[in-house]
Amino acid sequence: MTFESATRYRDGKWRVDFLARTVLGVGPSEGRGLGGQPGRWREFYPQKSPGDCGFVENVGVLCWEDGDGRAYSAEAGLLSAALGPDWRTRLKQEVATRSGGG
């Protein structure tokens, strides 16, 4: 399911389709190849750190937009809809687990 079909922004809130599943690509060989250490954040946001966009501990989340042919920083509301209100903690745990740090 594409990102565009899995998500909707309606009435000021993000909604994730009940058939969609959240997949986080942590490494460069996963998904669109945006993840990794350092990943491709600087390619799309050369003047901003993930922390400048509301992320913690230098872990940013990019969403690929097929129509524009580029990645964008995920909005907090979208991450909350997809991962739950504790999305920051869940991201840190996922990255630590998958990178061998936890």
PDB file of N, CA and C in Angstrom:
ATOM      1  N   MET A   1       0.857  -1.168   0.000  1.00  0.00           N
ATOM      2  CA  MET A   1       0.000   0.000   0.000  1.00  0.00           C
ATOM      3  C   MET A   1       0.906   1.235   0.000  1.00  0.00           C
ATOM      4  N   THR A   2       0.637   2.176  -0.868  1.00  0.00           N
ATOM      5  CA  THR A   2       1.462   3.371  -0.941  1.00  0.00           C
ATOM      6  C   THR A   2       1.174   4.291   0.245  1.00  0.00           C
ATOM      7  N   PHE A   3       2.112   5.159   0.514  1.00  0.00           N
ATOM      8  CA  PHE A   3       1.946   6.133   1.591  1.00  0.00           C
ATOM      9  C   PHE A   3       0.693   6.977   1.352  1.00  0.00           C
ATOM     10  N   GLU A   4       0.499   7.383   0.091  1.00  0.00           N
ATOM     11  CA  GLU A   4      -0.642   8.225  -0.242  1.00  0.00           C
ATOM     12  C   GLU A   4      -1.970   7.523   0.019  1.00  0.00           C
ATOM     13  N   SER A   5      -2.048   6.210  -0.260  1.00  0.00           N
ATOM     14  CA  SER A   5      -3.314   5.513  -0.014  1.00  0.00           C
ATOM     15  C   SER A   5      -3.485   5.104   1.442  1.00  0.00           C
ATOM     16  N   ALA A   6      -2.398   5.035   2.178  1.00  0.00           N
ATOM     17  CA  ALA A   6      -2.467   4.598   3.569  1.00  0.00           C
ATOM     18  C   ALA A   6      -2.801   5.727   4.533  1.00  0.00           C
ATOM     19  N   THR A   7      -2.595   6.960   4.108  1.00  0.00           N
ATOM     20  CA  THR A   7      -2.790   8.090   5.017  1.00  0.00           C
ATOM     21  C   THR A   7      -3.755   9.116   4.431  1.00  0.00           C
ATOM     22  N   ARG A   8      -4.410   9.817   5.323  1.00  0.00           N
ATOM     23  CA  ARG A   8      -5.311  10.913   4.943  1.00  0.00           C
ATOM     24  C   ARG A   8      -5.190  12.012   5.991  1.00  0.00           C
ATOM     25  N   TYR A   9      -5.175  13.232   5.531  1.00  0.00           N
ATOM     26  CA  TYR A   9      -5.196  14.377   6.443  1.00  0.00           C
ATOM     27  C   TYR A   9      -6.582  14.992   6.330  1.00  0.00           C
ATOM     28  N   ARG A  10      -7.344  14.896   7.404  1.00  0.00           N
ATOM     29  CA  ARG A  10      -8.731  15.335   7.384  1.00  0.00           C
ATOM     30  C   ARG A  10      -9.082  16.013   8.699  1.00  0.00           C
ATOM     31  N   ASP A  11      -9.783  17.116   8.601  1.00  0.00           N
ATOM     32  CA  ASP A  11     -10.236  17.844   9.791  1.00  0.00           C
ATOM     33  C   ASP A  11      -9.092  18.184  10.747  1.00  0.00           C
ATOM     34  N   GLY A  12      -7.933  18.499  10.186  1.00  0.00           N
ATOM     35  CA  GLY A  12      -6.796  18.893  11.005  1.00  0.00           C
ATOM     36  C   GLY A  12      -6.064  17.756  11.681  1.00  0.00           C
ATOM     37  N   LYS A  13      -6.375  16.497  11.298  1.00  0.00           N
ATOM     38  CA  LYS A  13      -5.714  15.341  11.915  1.00  0.00           C
ATOM     39  C   LYS A  13      -5.312  14.332  10.848  1.00  0.00           C
ATOM     40  N   TRP A  14      -4.203  13.651  11.113  1.00  0.00           N
ATOM     41  CA  TRP A  14      -3.782  12.555  10.246  1.00  0.00           C
ATOM     42  C   TRP A  14      -4.547  11.301  10.619  1.00  0.00           C
ATOM     43  N   ARG A  15      -4.890  10.527   9.629  1.00  0.00           N
ATOM     44  CA  ARG A  15      -5.533   9.234   9.843  1.00  0.00           C
ATOM     45  C   ARG A  15      -4.781   8.195   9.017  1.00  0.00           C
ATOM     46  N   VAL A  16      -4.621   7.031   9.597  1.00  0.00           N
ATOM     47  CA  VAL A  16      -3.957   5.927   8.910  1.00  0.00           C
ATOM     48  C   VAL A  16      -5.003   4.861   8.633  1.00  0.00           C
ATOM     49  N   ASP A  17      -5.086   4.411   7.390  1.00  0.00           N
ATOM     50  CA  ASP A  17      -6.051   3.392   6.987  1.00  0.00           C
ATOM     51  C   ASP A  17      -5.872   2.140   7.851  1.00  0.00           C
ATOM     52  N   PHE A  18      -6.984   1.526   8.249  1.00  0.00           N
ATOM     53  CA  PHE A  18      -6.915   0.365   9.138  1.00  0.00           C
ATOM     54  C   PHE A  18      -6.228  -0.831   8.474  1.00  0.00           C
ATOM     55  N   LEU A  19      -6.147  -0.855   7.157  1.00  0.00           N
ATOM     56  CA  LEU A  19      -5.456  -1.947   6.461  1.00  0.00           C
ATOM     57  C   LEU A  19      -3.954  -1.708   6.332  1.00  0.00           C
ATOM     58  N   ALA A  20      -3.528  -0.495   6.631  1.00  0.00           N
ATOM     59  CA  ALA A  20      -2.112  -0.143   6.494  1.00  0.00           C
ATOM     60  C   ALA A  20      -1.314  -0.668   7.671  1.00  0.00           C
ATOM     61  N   ARG A  21      -0.062  -0.914   7.430  1.00  0.00           N
ATOM     62  CA  ARG A  21       0.824  -1.264   8.523  1.00  0.00           C
ATOM     63  C   ARG A  21       2.042  -0.357   8.445  1.00  0.00           C
ATOM     64  N   THR A  22       2.537  -0.005   9.588  1.00  0.00           N
ATOM     65  CA  THR A  22       3.680   0.891   9.669  1.00  0.00           C
ATOM     66  C   THR A  22       4.957   0.077   9.528  1.00  0.00           C
ATOM     67  N   VAL A  23       5.819   0.510   8.634  1.00  0.00           N
ATOM     68  CA  VAL A  23       7.102  -0.147   8.438  1.00  0.00           C
ATOM     69  C   VAL A  23       8.177   0.922   8.526  1.00  0.00           C
ATOM     70  N   LEU A  24       9.101   0.742   9.438  1.00  0.00           N
ATOM     71  CA  LEU A  24      10.205   1.677   9.585  1.00  0.00           C
ATOM     72  C   LEU A  24      11.455   1.089   8.957  1.00  0.00           C
ATOM     73  N   GLY A  25      11.998   1.798   7.998  1.00  0.00           N
ATOM     74  CA  GLY A  25      13.262   1.390   7.395  1.00  0.00           C
ATOM     75  C   GLY A  25      14.395   2.033   8.169  1.00  0.00           C
ATOM     76  N   VAL A  26      15.154   1.225   8.852  1.00  0.00           N
ATOM     77  CA  VAL A  26      16.246   1.751   9.670  1.00  0.00           C
ATOM     78  C   VAL A  26      17.570   1.718   8.907  1.00  0.00           C
ATOM     79  N   GLY A  27      17.707   0.770   8.005  1.00  0.00           N
ATOM     80  CA  GLY A  27      18.943   0.640   7.246  1.00  0.00           C
ATOM     81  C   GLY A  27      18.790   1.073   5.799  1.00  0.00           C
ATOM     82  N   PRO A  28      19.904   1.304   5.114  1.00  0.00           N
ATOM     83  CA  PRO A  28      19.856   1.786   3.734  1.00  0.00           C
ATOM     84  C   PRO A  28      19.293   0.778   2.733  1.00  0.00           C
ATOM     85  N   SER A  29      19.211  -0.483   3.108  1.00  0.00           N
ATOM     86  CA  SER A  29      18.676  -1.490   2.186  1.00  0.00           C
ATOM     87  C   SER A  29      17.183  -1.739   2.401  1.00  0.00           C
ATOM     88  N   GLU A  30      16.542  -0.975   3.280  1.00  0.00           N
ATOM     89  CA  GLU A  30      15.120  -1.158   3.575  1.00  0.00           C
ATOM     90  C   GLU A  30      14.284  -0.059   2.924  1.00  0.00           C
ATOM     91  N   GLY A  31      13.114  -0.431   2.470  1.00  0.00           N
ATOM     92  CA  GLY A  31      12.175   0.535   1.903  1.00  0.00           C
ATOM     93  C   GLY A  31      12.772   1.341   0.768  1.00  0.00           C
ATOM     94  N   ARG A  32      12.707   2.641   0.869  1.00  0.00           N
ATOM     95  CA  ARG A  32      13.234   3.555  -0.150  1.00  0.00           C
ATOM     96  C   ARG A  32      14.714   3.842   0.046  1.00  0.00           C
ATOM     97  N   GLY A  33      15.346   3.189   1.003  1.00  0.00           N
ATOM     98  CA  GLY A  33      16.767   3.398   1.229  1.00  0.00           C
ATOM     99  C   GLY A  33      17.095   4.731   1.880  1.00  0.00           C
ATOM    100  N   LEU A  34      16.157   5.254   2.668  1.00  0.00           N
ATOM    101  CA  LEU A  34      16.367   6.546   3.313  1.00  0.00           C
ATOM    102  C   LEU A  34      17.075   6.419   4.656  1.00  0.00           C
ATOM    103  N   GLY A  35      17.008   5.235   5.261  1.00  0.00           N
ATOM    104  CA  GLY A  35      17.547   5.038   6.605  1.00  0.00           C
ATOM    105  C   GLY A  35      19.030   4.752   6.615  1.00  0.00           C
ATOM    106  N   GLY A  36      19.546   4.551   7.786  1.00  0.00           N
ATOM    107  CA  GLY A  36      20.955   4.220   7.981  1.00  0.00           C
ATOM    108  C   GLY A  36      21.632   5.247   8.855  1.00  0.00           C
ATOM    109  N   GLN A  37      22.895   5.045   9.045  1.00  0.00           N
ATOM    110  CA  GLN A  37      23.680   5.981   9.833  1.00  0.00           C
ATOM    111  C   GLN A  37      24.797   6.493   8.956  1.00  0.00           C
ATOM    112  N   PRO A  38      24.710   7.668   8.369  1.00  0.00           N
ATOM    113  CA  PRO A  38      23.809   8.735   8.736  1.00  0.00           C
ATOM    114  C   PRO A  38      22.469   8.742   7.998  1.00  0.00           C
ATOM    115  N   GLY A  39      22.227   7.901   7.038  1.00  0.00           N
ATOM    116  CA  GLY A  39      20.970   7.957   6.298  1.00  0.00           C
ATOM    117  C   GLY A  39      20.987   9.116   5.312  1.00  0.00           C
ATOM    118  N   ARG A  40      19.848   9.406   4.741  1.00  0.00           N
ATOM    119  CA  ARG A  40      19.791  10.430   3.691  1.00  0.00           C
ATOM    120  C   ARG A  40      19.139  11.738   4.145  1.00  0.00           C
ATOM    121  N   TRP A  41      19.028  11.942   5.451  1.00  0.00           N
ATOM    122  CA  TRP A  41      18.419  13.158   5.983  1.00  0.00           C
ATOM    123  C   TRP A  41      19.055  14.409   5.372  1.00  0.00           C
ATOM    124  N   ARG A  42      20.379  14.497   5.385  1.00  0.00           N
ATOM    125  CA  ARG A  42      21.092  15.697   4.916  1.00  0.00           C
ATOM    126  C   ARG A  42      20.861  15.973   3.426  1.00  0.00           C
ATOM    127  N   GLU A  43      20.561  14.941   2.671  1.00  0.00           N
ATOM    128  CA  GLU A  43      20.266  15.127   1.244  1.00  0.00           C
ATOM    129  C   GLU A  43      19.015  15.994   1.058  1.00  0.00           C
ATOM    130  N   PHE A  44      18.031  15.809   1.916  1.00  0.00           N
ATOM    131  CA  PHE A  44      16.772  16.533   1.796  1.00  0.00           C
ATOM    132  C   PHE A  44      16.676  17.742   2.722  1.00  0.00           C
ATOM    133  N   TYR A  45      17.426  17.730   3.823  1.00  0.00           N
ATOM    134  CA  TYR A  45      17.423  18.822   4.794  1.00  0.00           C
ATOM    135  C   TYR A  45      18.858  19.192   5.173  1.00  0.00           C
ATOM    136  N   PRO A  46      19.601  19.778   4.221  1.00  0.00           N
ATOM    137  CA  PRO A  46      21.026  20.045   4.488  1.00  0.00           C
ATOM    138  C   PRO A  46      21.286  21.060   5.600  1.00  0.00           C
ATOM    139  N   GLN A  47      20.339  21.941   5.874  1.00  0.00           N
ATOM    140  CA  GLN A  47      20.547  22.981   6.876  1.00  0.00           C
ATOM    141  C   GLN A  47      19.843  22.708   8.203  1.00  0.00           C
ATOM    142  N   LYS A  48      19.189  21.550   8.330  1.00  0.00           N
ATOM    143  CA  LYS A  48      18.444  21.243   9.556  1.00  0.00           C
ATOM    144  C   LYS A  48      18.853  19.882  10.089  1.00  0.00           C
ATOM    145  N   SER A  49      18.867  19.789  11.413  1.00  0.00           N
ATOM    146  CA  SER A  49      19.072  18.489  12.045  1.00  0.00           C
ATOM    147  C   SER A  49      17.693  17.886  12.315  1.00  0.00           C
ATOM    148  N   PRO A  50      17.614  16.589  12.542  1.00  0.00           N
ATOM    149  CA  PRO A  50      16.319  16.013  12.934  1.00  0.00           C
ATOM    150  C   PRO A  50      15.736  16.698  14.167  1.00  0.00           C
ATOM    151  N   GLY A  51      16.581  17.114  15.100  1.00  0.00           N
ATOM    152  CA  GLY A  51      16.107  17.803  16.298  1.00  0.00           C
ATOM    153  C   GLY A  51      15.398  19.117  15.971  1.00  0.00           C
ATOM    154  N   ASP A  52      15.825  19.792  14.910  1.00  0.00           N
ATOM    155  CA  ASP A  52      15.171  21.034  14.490  1.00  0.00           C
ATOM    156  C   ASP A  52      13.746  20.785  14.013  1.00  0.00           C
ATOM    157  N   CYS A  53      13.439  19.533  13.672  1.00  0.00           N
ATOM    158  CA  CYS A  53      12.105  19.174  13.163  1.00  0.00           C
ATOM    159  C   CYS A  53      11.278  18.414  14.197  1.00  0.00           C
ATOM    160  N   GLY A  54      11.725  18.419  15.460  1.00  0.00           N
ATOM    161  CA  GLY A  54      10.940  17.814  16.536  1.00  0.00           C
ATOM    162  C   GLY A  54      11.286  16.378  16.876  1.00  0.00           C
ATOM    163  N   PHE A  55      12.334  15.843  16.254  1.00  0.00           N
ATOM    164  CA  PHE A  55      12.745  14.473  16.567  1.00  0.00           C
ATOM    165  C   PHE A  55      13.764  14.488  17.691  1.00  0.00           C
ATOM    166  N   VAL A  56      14.027  13.323  18.256  1.00  0.00           N
ATOM    167  CA  VAL A  56      14.947  13.243  19.388  1.00  0.00           C
ATOM    168  C   VAL A  56      16.184  12.438  19.022  1.00  0.00           C
ATOM    169  N   GLU A  57      17.272  12.771  19.705  1.00  0.00           N
ATOM    170  CA  GLU A  57      18.527  12.024  19.596  1.00  0.00           C
ATOM    171  C   GLU A  57      18.950  11.743  18.165  1.00  0.00           C
ATOM    172  N   ASN A  58      18.823  12.731  17.323  1.00  0.00           N
ATOM    173  CA  ASN A  58      19.315  12.654  15.958  1.00  0.00           C
ATOM    174  C   ASN A  58      18.712  11.502  15.143  1.00  0.00           C
ATOM    175  N   VAL A  59      17.475  11.136  15.455  1.00  0.00           N
ATOM    176  CA  VAL A  59      16.752  10.120  14.684  1.00  0.00           C
ATOM    177  C   VAL A  59      15.584  10.821  13.999  1.00  0.00           C
ATOM    178  N   GLY A  60      15.718  11.033  12.696  1.00  0.00           N
ATOM    179  CA  GLY A  60      14.659  11.666  11.927  1.00  0.00           C
ATOM    180  C   GLY A  60      13.836  10.631  11.192  1.00  0.00           C
ATOM    181  N   VAL A  61      12.641  11.017  10.789  1.00  0.00           N
ATOM    182  CA  VAL A  61      11.772  10.130  10.018  1.00  0.00           C
ATOM    183  C   VAL A  61      11.414  10.845   8.724  1.00  0.00           C
ATOM    184  N   LEU A  62      11.743  10.191   7.628  1.00  0.00           N
ATOM    185  CA  LEU A  62      11.427  10.718   6.310  1.00  0.00           C
ATOM    186  C   LEU A  62      10.337   9.874   5.677  1.00  0.00           C
ATOM    187  N   CYS A  63       9.432  10.515   4.959  1.00  0.00           N
ATOM    188  CA  CYS A  63       8.390   9.836   4.191  1.00  0.00           C
ATOM    189  C   CYS A  63       8.616  10.160   2.727  1.00  0.00           C
ATOM    190  N   TRP A  64       8.650   9.141   1.907  1.00  0.00           N
ATOM    191  CA  TRP A  64       8.869   9.343   0.475  1.00  0.00           C
ATOM    192  C   TRP A  64       7.570   9.750  -0.203  1.00  0.00           C
ATOM    193  N   GLU A  65       7.640  10.761  -1.043  1.00  0.00           N
ATOM    194  CA  GLU A  65       6.493  11.253  -1.799  1.00  0.00           C
ATOM    195  C   GLU A  65       6.755  10.976  -3.279  1.00  0.00           C
ATOM    196  N   ASP A  66       6.078   9.961  -3.820  1.00  0.00           N
ATOM    197  CA  ASP A  66       6.288   9.587  -5.220  1.00  0.00           C
ATOM    198  C   ASP A  66       6.032  10.736  -6.176  1.00  0.00           C
ATOM    199  N   GLY A  67       4.953  11.476  -5.958  1.00  0.00           N
ATOM    200  CA  GLY A  67       4.588  12.558  -6.861  1.00  0.00           C
ATOM    201  C   GLY A  67       5.664  13.621  -6.992  1.00  0.00           C
ATOM    202  N   ASP A  68       6.369  13.898  -5.905  1.00  0.00           N
ATOM    203  CA  ASP A  68       7.418  14.918  -5.905  1.00  0.00           C
ATOM    204  C   ASP A  68       8.803  14.325  -6.149  1.00  0.00           C
ATOM    205  N   GLY A  69       8.908  12.996  -6.038  1.00  0.00           N
ATOM    206  CA  GLY A  69      10.201  12.350  -6.225  1.00  0.00           C
ATOM    207  C   GLY A  69      11.209  12.725  -5.158  1.00  0.00           C
ATOM    208  N   ARG A  70      10.743  12.902  -3.934  1.00  0.00           N
ATOM    209  CA  ARG A  70      11.641  13.260  -2.833  1.00  0.00           C
ATOM    210  C   ARG A  70      11.034  12.855  -1.495  1.00  0.00           C
ATOM    211  N   ALA A  71      11.847  12.943  -0.470  1.00  0.00           N
ATOM    212  CA  ALA A  71      11.402  12.628   0.885  1.00  0.00           C
ATOM    213  C   ALA A  71      11.127  13.912   1.649  1.00  0.00           C
ATOM    214  N   TYR A  72      10.194  13.812   2.587  1.00  0.00           N
ATOM    215  CA  TYR A  72       9.854  14.914   3.482  1.00  0.00           C
ATOM    216  C   TYR A  72       9.912  14.427   4.914  1.00  0.00           C
ATOM    217  N   SER A  73      10.201  15.348   5.818  1.00  0.00           N
ATOM    218  CA  SER A  73      10.175  15.045   7.240  1.00  0.00           C
ATOM    219  C   SER A  73       8.742  14.709   7.641  1.00  0.00           C
ATOM    220  N   ALA A  74       8.567  13.603   8.361  1.00  0.00           N
ATOM    221  CA  ALA A  74       7.230  13.195   8.805  1.00  0.00           C
ATOM    222  C   ALA A  74       6.719  14.169   9.867  1.00  0.00           C
ATOM    223  N   GLU A  75       5.446  14.473   9.811  1.00  0.00           N
ATOM    224  CA  GLU A  75       4.840  15.349  10.808  1.00  0.00           C
ATOM    225  C   GLU A  75       4.522  14.568  12.073  1.00  0.00           C
ATOM    226  N   ALA A  76       4.593  15.246  13.210  1.00  0.00           N
ATOM    227  CA  ALA A  76       4.325  14.609  14.504  1.00  0.00           C
ATOM    228  C   ALA A  76       2.940  13.978  14.542  1.00  0.00           C
ATOM    229  N   GLY A  77       1.934  14.649  13.982  1.00  0.00           N
ATOM    230  CA  GLY A  77       0.577  14.110  13.981  1.00  0.00           C
ATOM    231  C   GLY A  77       0.472  12.807  13.207  1.00  0.00           C
ATOM    232  N   LEU A  78       1.208  12.706  12.104  1.00  0.00           N
ATOM    233  CA  LEU A  78       1.216  11.477  11.318  1.00  0.00           C
ATOM    234  C   LEU A  78       1.885  10.348  12.102  1.00  0.00           C
ATOM    235  N   LEU A  79       2.996  10.643  12.749  1.00  0.00           N
ATOM    236  CA  LEU A  79       3.687   9.621  13.536  1.00  0.00           C
ATOM    237  C   LEU A  79       2.834   9.177  14.721  1.00  0.00           C
ATOM    238  N   SER A  80       2.131  10.097  15.322  1.00  0.00           N
ATOM    239  CA  SER A  80       1.240   9.742  16.425  1.00  0.00           C
ATOM    240  C   SER A  80       0.109   8.843  15.931  1.00  0.00           C
ATOM    241  N   ALA A  81      -0.458   9.144  14.764  1.00  0.00           N
ATOM    242  CA  ALA A  81      -1.530   8.317  14.205  1.00  0.00           C
ATOM    243  C   ALA A  81      -1.025   6.933  13.828  1.00  0.00           C
ATOM    244  N   ALA A  82       0.201   6.858  13.328  1.00  0.00           N
ATOM    245  CA  ALA A  82       0.748   5.581  12.868  1.00  0.00           C
ATOM    246  C   ALA A  82       1.327   4.737  13.994  1.00  0.00           C
ATOM    247  N   LEU A  83       1.990   5.383  14.962  1.00  0.00           N
ATOM    248  CA  LEU A  83       2.725   4.651  15.992  1.00  0.00           C
ATOM    249  C   LEU A  83       2.158   4.808  17.399  1.00  0.00           C
ATOM    250  N   GLY A  84       1.233   5.745  17.566  1.00  0.00           N
ATOM    251  CA  GLY A  84       0.668   5.992  18.880  1.00  0.00           C
ATOM    252  C   GLY A  84       1.256   7.238  19.514  1.00  0.00           C
ATOM    253  N   PRO A  85       0.663   7.690  20.612  1.00  0.00           N
ATOM    254  CA  PRO A  85       1.105   8.935  21.235  1.00  0.00           C
ATOM    255  C   PRO A  85       2.530   8.880  21.795  1.00  0.00           C
ATOM    256  N   ASP A  86       3.049   7.686  22.018  1.00  0.00           N
ATOM    257  CA  ASP A  86       4.418   7.539  22.525  1.00  0.00           C
ATOM    258  C   ASP A  86       5.404   7.286  21.375  1.00  0.00           C
ATOM    259  N   TRP A  87       5.136   7.876  20.210  1.00  0.00           N
ATOM    260  CA  TRP A  87       5.925   7.596  19.016  1.00  0.00           C
ATOM    261  C   TRP A  87       7.410   7.894  19.185  1.00  0.00           C
ATOM    262  N   ARG A  88       7.773   8.927  19.938  1.00  0.00           N
ATOM    263  CA  ARG A  88       9.199   9.240  20.128  1.00  0.00           C
ATOM    264  C   ARG A  88       9.909   8.088  20.837  1.00  0.00           C
ATOM    265  N   THR A  89       9.299   7.565  21.890  1.00  0.00           N
ATOM    266  CA  THR A  89       9.875   6.436  22.629  1.00  0.00           C
ATOM    267  C   THR A  89       9.953   5.199  21.743  1.00  0.00           C
ATOM    268  N   ARG A  90       8.889   4.929  21.004  1.00  0.00           N
ATOM    269  CA  ARG A  90       8.870   3.762  20.119  1.00  0.00           C
ATOM    270  C   ARG A  90       9.946   3.847  19.040  1.00  0.00           C
ATOM    271  N   LEU A  91      10.162   5.045  18.498  1.00  0.00           N
ATOM    272  CA  LEU A  91      11.219   5.212  17.491  1.00  0.00           C
ATOM    273  C   LEU A  91      12.592   4.934  18.085  1.00  0.00           C
ATOM    274  N   LYS A  92      12.857   5.506  19.251  1.00  0.00           N
ATOM    275  CA  LYS A  92      14.153   5.284  19.898  1.00  0.00           C
ATOM    276  C   LYS A  92      14.367   3.806  20.163  1.00  0.00           C
ATOM    277  N   GLN A  93      13.331   3.113  20.663  1.00  0.00           N
ATOM    278  CA  GLN A  93      13.454   1.691  20.953  1.00  0.00           C
ATOM    279  C   GLN A  93      13.698   0.879  19.672  1.00  0.00           C
ATOM    280  N   GLU A  94      12.964   1.206  18.632  1.00  0.00           N
ATOM    281  CA  GLU A  94      13.110   0.478  17.370  1.00  0.00           C
ATOM    282  C   GLU A  94      14.507   0.643  16.784  1.00  0.00           C
ATOM    283  N   VAL A  95      14.996   1.863  16.778  1.00  0.00           N
ATOM    284  CA  VAL A  95      16.338   2.109  16.246  1.00  0.00           C
ATOM    285  C   VAL A  95      17.391   1.407  17.100  1.00  0.00           C
ATOM    286  N   ALA A  96      17.262   1.484  18.419  1.00  0.00           N
ATOM    287  CA  ALA A  96      18.232   0.824  19.316  1.00  0.00           C
ATOM    288  C   ALA A  96      18.221  -0.680  19.106  1.00  0.00           C
ATOM    289  N   THR A  97      17.037  -1.268  19.000  1.00  0.00           N
ATOM    290  CA  THR A  97      16.936  -2.709  18.812  1.00  0.00           C
ATOM    291  C   THR A  97      17.524  -3.154  17.480  1.00  0.00           C
ATOM    292  N   ARG A  98      17.172  -2.453  16.432  1.00  0.00           N
ATOM    293  CA  ARG A  98      17.593  -2.883  15.102  1.00  0.00           C
ATOM    294  C   ARG A  98      19.022  -2.513  14.756  1.00  0.00           C
ATOM    295  N   SER A  99      19.607  -1.589  15.497  1.00  0.00           N
ATOM    296  CA  SER A  99      20.994  -1.239  15.227  1.00  0.00           C
ATOM    297  C   SER A  99      21.940  -1.928  16.205  1.00  0.00           C
ATOM    298  N   GLY A 100      21.381  -2.816  17.027  1.00  0.00           N
ATOM    299  CA  GLY A 100      22.206  -3.587  17.950  1.00  0.00           C
ATOM    300  C   GLY A 100      22.495  -2.899  19.257  1.00  0.00           C
ATOM    301  N   GLY A 101      21.825  -1.762  19.527  1.00  0.00           N
ATOM    302  CA  GLY A 101      22.094  -1.030  20.755  1.00  0.00           C
ATOM    303  C   GLY A 101      21.093  -1.292  21.842  1.00  0.00           C
ATOM    304  N   GLY A 102      20.261  -2.329  21.703  1.00  0.00           N
ATOM    305  CA  GLY A 102      19.291  -2.560  22.764  1.00  0.00           C
ATOM    306  C   GLY A 102      18.517  -3.761  22.441  1.00  0.00           C
TER     307      GLY A 102
END
